[in-house]
């Protein structure tokens, strides 16, 4: 596992309890060419606040803390 992927997983692990508290979860599917591919689970899947959570929360945190990350994309 490369360093970027490990840093992404470490940060996701820190925010996971907040998502789980609201009945949701997140799974990292892949990290490739600076793009983090995630799958939103539980209450997060289809939630109206997902874009805000993902872009203003998770993506911002990863962009600021993991060198090389350029975007977060959801997959089905």
N, C-alpha and C. Protein backbone atom coordinates (compact mmCIF):
# COMPACT_ATOMS: atom_id res chain seq x y z
N UNK A 1 0.86 -1.19 0.00
CA UNK A 1 0.00 0.00 0.00
C UNK A 1 0.89 1.23 0.00
N UNK A 2 0.60 2.18 -0.89
CA UNK A 2 1.46 3.35 -0.95
C UNK A 2 1.09 4.35 0.15
N UNK A 3 1.99 5.31 0.34
CA UNK A 3 1.86 6.27 1.43
C UNK A 3 0.61 7.14 1.28
N UNK A 4 0.29 7.55 0.05
CA UNK A 4 -0.89 8.39 -0.17
C UNK A 4 -2.15 7.65 0.25
N UNK A 5 -2.29 6.41 -0.18
CA UNK A 5 -3.48 5.62 0.18
C UNK A 5 -3.58 5.45 1.69
N UNK A 6 -2.45 5.21 2.35
CA UNK A 6 -2.47 5.04 3.81
C UNK A 6 -2.90 6.33 4.50
N UNK A 7 -2.41 7.47 4.02
CA UNK A 7 -2.81 8.75 4.61
C UNK A 7 -4.31 8.99 4.41
N UNK A 8 -4.82 8.65 3.24
CA UNK A 8 -6.26 8.79 2.97
C UNK A 8 -7.05 7.91 3.93
N UNK A 9 -6.64 6.65 4.07
CA UNK A 9 -7.35 5.73 4.96
C UNK A 9 -7.31 6.21 6.42
N UNK A 10 -6.18 6.76 6.84
CA UNK A 10 -6.06 7.26 8.21
C UNK A 10 -7.03 8.41 8.46
N UNK A 11 -7.16 9.34 7.51
CA UNK A 11 -8.07 10.46 7.68
C UNK A 11 -9.53 10.03 7.61
N UNK A 12 -9.83 9.11 6.71
CA UNK A 12 -11.21 8.60 6.61
C UNK A 12 -11.58 7.92 7.93
N UNK A 13 -10.64 7.19 8.50
CA UNK A 13 -10.88 6.51 9.78
C UNK A 13 -11.26 7.52 10.88
N UNK A 14 -10.69 8.71 10.81
CA UNK A 14 -10.99 9.75 11.82
C UNK A 14 -12.38 10.35 11.65
N UNK A 15 -12.88 10.45 10.42
CA UNK A 15 -14.20 11.05 10.21
C UNK A 15 -15.33 10.02 10.21
N UNK A 16 -14.98 8.76 10.05
CA UNK A 16 -15.99 7.69 10.00
C UNK A 16 -16.97 7.72 11.18
N UNK A 17 -16.53 7.92 12.42
CA UNK A 17 -17.49 7.93 13.54
C UNK A 17 -18.58 9.00 13.40
N UNK A 18 -18.25 10.13 12.79
CA UNK A 18 -19.25 11.20 12.60
C UNK A 18 -20.31 10.77 11.59
N UNK A 19 -19.88 10.08 10.54
CA UNK A 19 -20.82 9.57 9.55
C UNK A 19 -21.68 8.45 10.16
N UNK A 20 -21.05 7.59 10.92
CA UNK A 20 -21.76 6.47 11.52
C UNK A 20 -22.78 6.95 12.56
N UNK A 21 -22.47 8.03 13.22
CA UNK A 21 -23.40 8.59 14.22
C UNK A 21 -24.73 8.96 13.58
N UNK A 22 -24.66 9.36 12.30
CA UNK A 22 -25.88 9.73 11.57
C UNK A 22 -26.42 8.58 10.72
N UNK A 23 -25.89 7.37 10.96
CA UNK A 23 -26.40 6.20 10.25
C UNK A 23 -25.73 5.93 8.91
N UNK A 24 -24.64 6.61 8.63
CA UNK A 24 -23.96 6.43 7.36
C UNK A 24 -22.58 5.83 7.53
N UNK A 25 -21.88 5.72 6.42
CA UNK A 25 -20.51 5.23 6.45
C UNK A 25 -19.85 5.56 5.10
N UNK A 26 -18.56 5.35 5.03
CA UNK A 26 -17.80 5.61 3.81
C UNK A 26 -16.78 4.51 3.63
N UNK A 27 -16.58 4.11 2.38
CA UNK A 27 -15.60 3.08 2.06
C UNK A 27 -14.70 3.62 0.95
N UNK A 28 -13.39 3.53 1.15
CA UNK A 28 -12.44 3.94 0.11
C UNK A 28 -12.31 2.78 -0.86
N UNK A 29 -12.68 3.02 -2.12
CA UNK A 29 -12.62 2.00 -3.15
C UNK A 29 -11.25 1.96 -3.80
N UNK A 30 -10.72 3.15 -4.11
CA UNK A 30 -9.43 3.20 -4.80
C UNK A 30 -8.84 4.59 -4.66
N UNK A 31 -7.53 4.68 -4.76
CA UNK A 31 -6.82 5.96 -4.85
C UNK A 31 -5.91 5.84 -6.06
N UNK A 32 -6.21 6.65 -7.09
CA UNK A 32 -5.48 6.51 -8.35
C UNK A 32 -5.30 7.89 -9.00
N UNK A 33 -4.08 8.21 -9.35
CA UNK A 33 -3.76 9.47 -10.03
C UNK A 33 -4.28 10.69 -9.27
N UNK A 34 -4.20 10.64 -7.95
CA UNK A 34 -4.62 11.77 -7.13
C UNK A 34 -6.11 11.85 -6.87
N UNK A 35 -6.86 10.91 -7.40
CA UNK A 35 -8.31 10.91 -7.19
C UNK A 35 -8.68 9.80 -6.21
N UNK A 36 -9.44 10.17 -5.19
CA UNK A 36 -9.89 9.21 -4.19
C UNK A 36 -11.32 8.80 -4.56
N UNK A 37 -11.51 7.52 -4.80
CA UNK A 37 -12.83 7.00 -5.15
C UNK A 37 -13.45 6.39 -3.90
N UNK A 38 -14.64 6.89 -3.53
CA UNK A 38 -15.29 6.42 -2.32
C UNK A 38 -16.71 5.96 -2.61
N UNK A 39 -17.20 5.09 -1.77
CA UNK A 39 -18.59 4.65 -1.84
C UNK A 39 -19.25 5.05 -0.53
N UNK A 40 -20.36 5.76 -0.65
CA UNK A 40 -21.10 6.18 0.53
C UNK A 40 -22.12 5.10 0.88
N UNK A 41 -22.20 4.78 2.14
CA UNK A 41 -23.03 3.66 2.59
C UNK A 41 -24.07 4.12 3.61
N UNK A 42 -25.06 3.28 3.84
CA UNK A 42 -26.08 3.55 4.84
C UNK A 42 -26.85 4.82 4.53
N UNK A 43 -27.06 5.62 5.56
CA UNK A 43 -27.84 6.85 5.41
C UNK A 43 -27.15 7.87 4.49
N UNK A 44 -25.85 7.76 4.29
CA UNK A 44 -25.14 8.69 3.41
C UNK A 44 -25.49 8.46 1.95
N UNK A 45 -25.84 7.22 1.59
CA UNK A 45 -26.16 6.90 0.21
C UNK A 45 -27.48 7.55 -0.16
N UNK A 46 -27.43 8.55 -1.03
CA UNK A 46 -28.63 9.25 -1.45
C UNK A 46 -29.06 10.40 -0.55
N UNK A 47 -28.29 10.68 0.48
CA UNK A 47 -28.62 11.78 1.39
C UNK A 47 -28.51 13.13 0.67
N UNK A 48 -29.44 14.02 0.95
CA UNK A 48 -29.43 15.34 0.30
C UNK A 48 -28.21 16.16 0.70
N UNK A 49 -27.65 15.91 1.87
CA UNK A 49 -26.48 16.67 2.33
C UNK A 49 -25.17 16.03 1.90
N UNK A 50 -25.23 14.98 1.08
CA UNK A 50 -24.03 14.25 0.69
C UNK A 50 -23.01 15.16 -0.01
N UNK A 51 -23.46 15.99 -0.93
CA UNK A 51 -22.51 16.86 -1.65
C UNK A 51 -21.76 17.78 -0.70
N UNK A 52 -22.48 18.33 0.27
CA UNK A 52 -21.84 19.21 1.25
C UNK A 52 -20.86 18.42 2.09
N UNK A 53 -21.29 17.28 2.59
CA UNK A 53 -20.41 16.44 3.41
C UNK A 53 -19.17 16.04 2.64
N UNK A 54 -19.37 15.63 1.41
CA UNK A 54 -18.26 15.12 0.61
C UNK A 54 -17.31 16.22 0.18
N UNK A 55 -17.84 17.29 -0.41
CA UNK A 55 -16.99 18.34 -0.98
C UNK A 55 -16.42 19.28 0.08
N UNK A 56 -17.28 19.78 0.97
CA UNK A 56 -16.81 20.75 1.95
C UNK A 56 -16.17 20.11 3.16
N UNK A 57 -16.46 18.83 3.37
CA UNK A 57 -15.90 18.14 4.52
C UNK A 57 -14.75 17.24 4.15
N UNK A 58 -15.08 16.10 3.60
CA UNK A 58 -14.09 15.06 3.33
C UNK A 58 -13.07 15.48 2.27
N UNK A 59 -13.54 16.01 1.13
CA UNK A 59 -12.61 16.40 0.08
C UNK A 59 -11.67 17.51 0.55
N UNK A 60 -12.21 18.52 1.21
CA UNK A 60 -11.38 19.62 1.70
C UNK A 60 -10.31 19.11 2.66
N UNK A 61 -10.71 18.22 3.57
CA UNK A 61 -9.78 17.67 4.55
C UNK A 61 -8.66 16.88 3.85
N UNK A 62 -9.02 16.07 2.86
CA UNK A 62 -8.01 15.29 2.15
C UNK A 62 -7.09 16.18 1.31
N UNK A 63 -7.66 17.19 0.64
CA UNK A 63 -6.83 18.10 -0.17
C UNK A 63 -5.81 18.83 0.69
N UNK A 64 -6.22 19.22 1.89
CA UNK A 64 -5.35 19.99 2.78
C UNK A 64 -4.30 19.13 3.48
N UNK A 65 -4.59 17.84 3.65
CA UNK A 65 -3.73 17.01 4.48
C UNK A 65 -2.96 15.90 3.78
N UNK A 66 -3.35 15.57 2.56
CA UNK A 66 -2.68 14.47 1.85
C UNK A 66 -2.10 15.01 0.54
N UNK A 67 -0.77 15.14 0.47
CA UNK A 67 -0.14 15.62 -0.76
C UNK A 67 -0.48 14.72 -1.94
N UNK A 68 -0.83 15.34 -3.05
CA UNK A 68 -1.11 14.58 -4.26
C UNK A 68 -2.59 14.33 -4.53
N UNK A 69 -3.43 14.45 -3.50
CA UNK A 69 -4.86 14.26 -3.70
C UNK A 69 -5.43 15.50 -4.39
N UNK A 70 -6.18 15.29 -5.49
CA UNK A 70 -6.74 16.41 -6.23
C UNK A 70 -8.26 16.41 -6.24
N UNK A 71 -8.89 15.28 -5.90
CA UNK A 71 -10.35 15.22 -5.92
C UNK A 71 -10.84 13.97 -5.20
N UNK A 72 -12.12 14.04 -4.81
CA UNK A 72 -12.81 12.88 -4.24
C UNK A 72 -14.05 12.65 -5.10
N UNK A 73 -14.24 11.42 -5.55
CA UNK A 73 -15.34 11.06 -6.43
C UNK A 73 -16.11 9.90 -5.82
N UNK A 74 -17.44 9.96 -5.88
CA UNK A 74 -18.24 8.84 -5.39
C UNK A 74 -18.52 7.85 -6.51
N UNK A 75 -18.55 6.60 -6.15
CA UNK A 75 -18.89 5.54 -7.10
C UNK A 75 -20.06 4.76 -6.53
N UNK A 76 -20.81 4.13 -7.43
CA UNK A 76 -21.97 3.33 -7.00
C UNK A 76 -21.58 1.88 -6.81
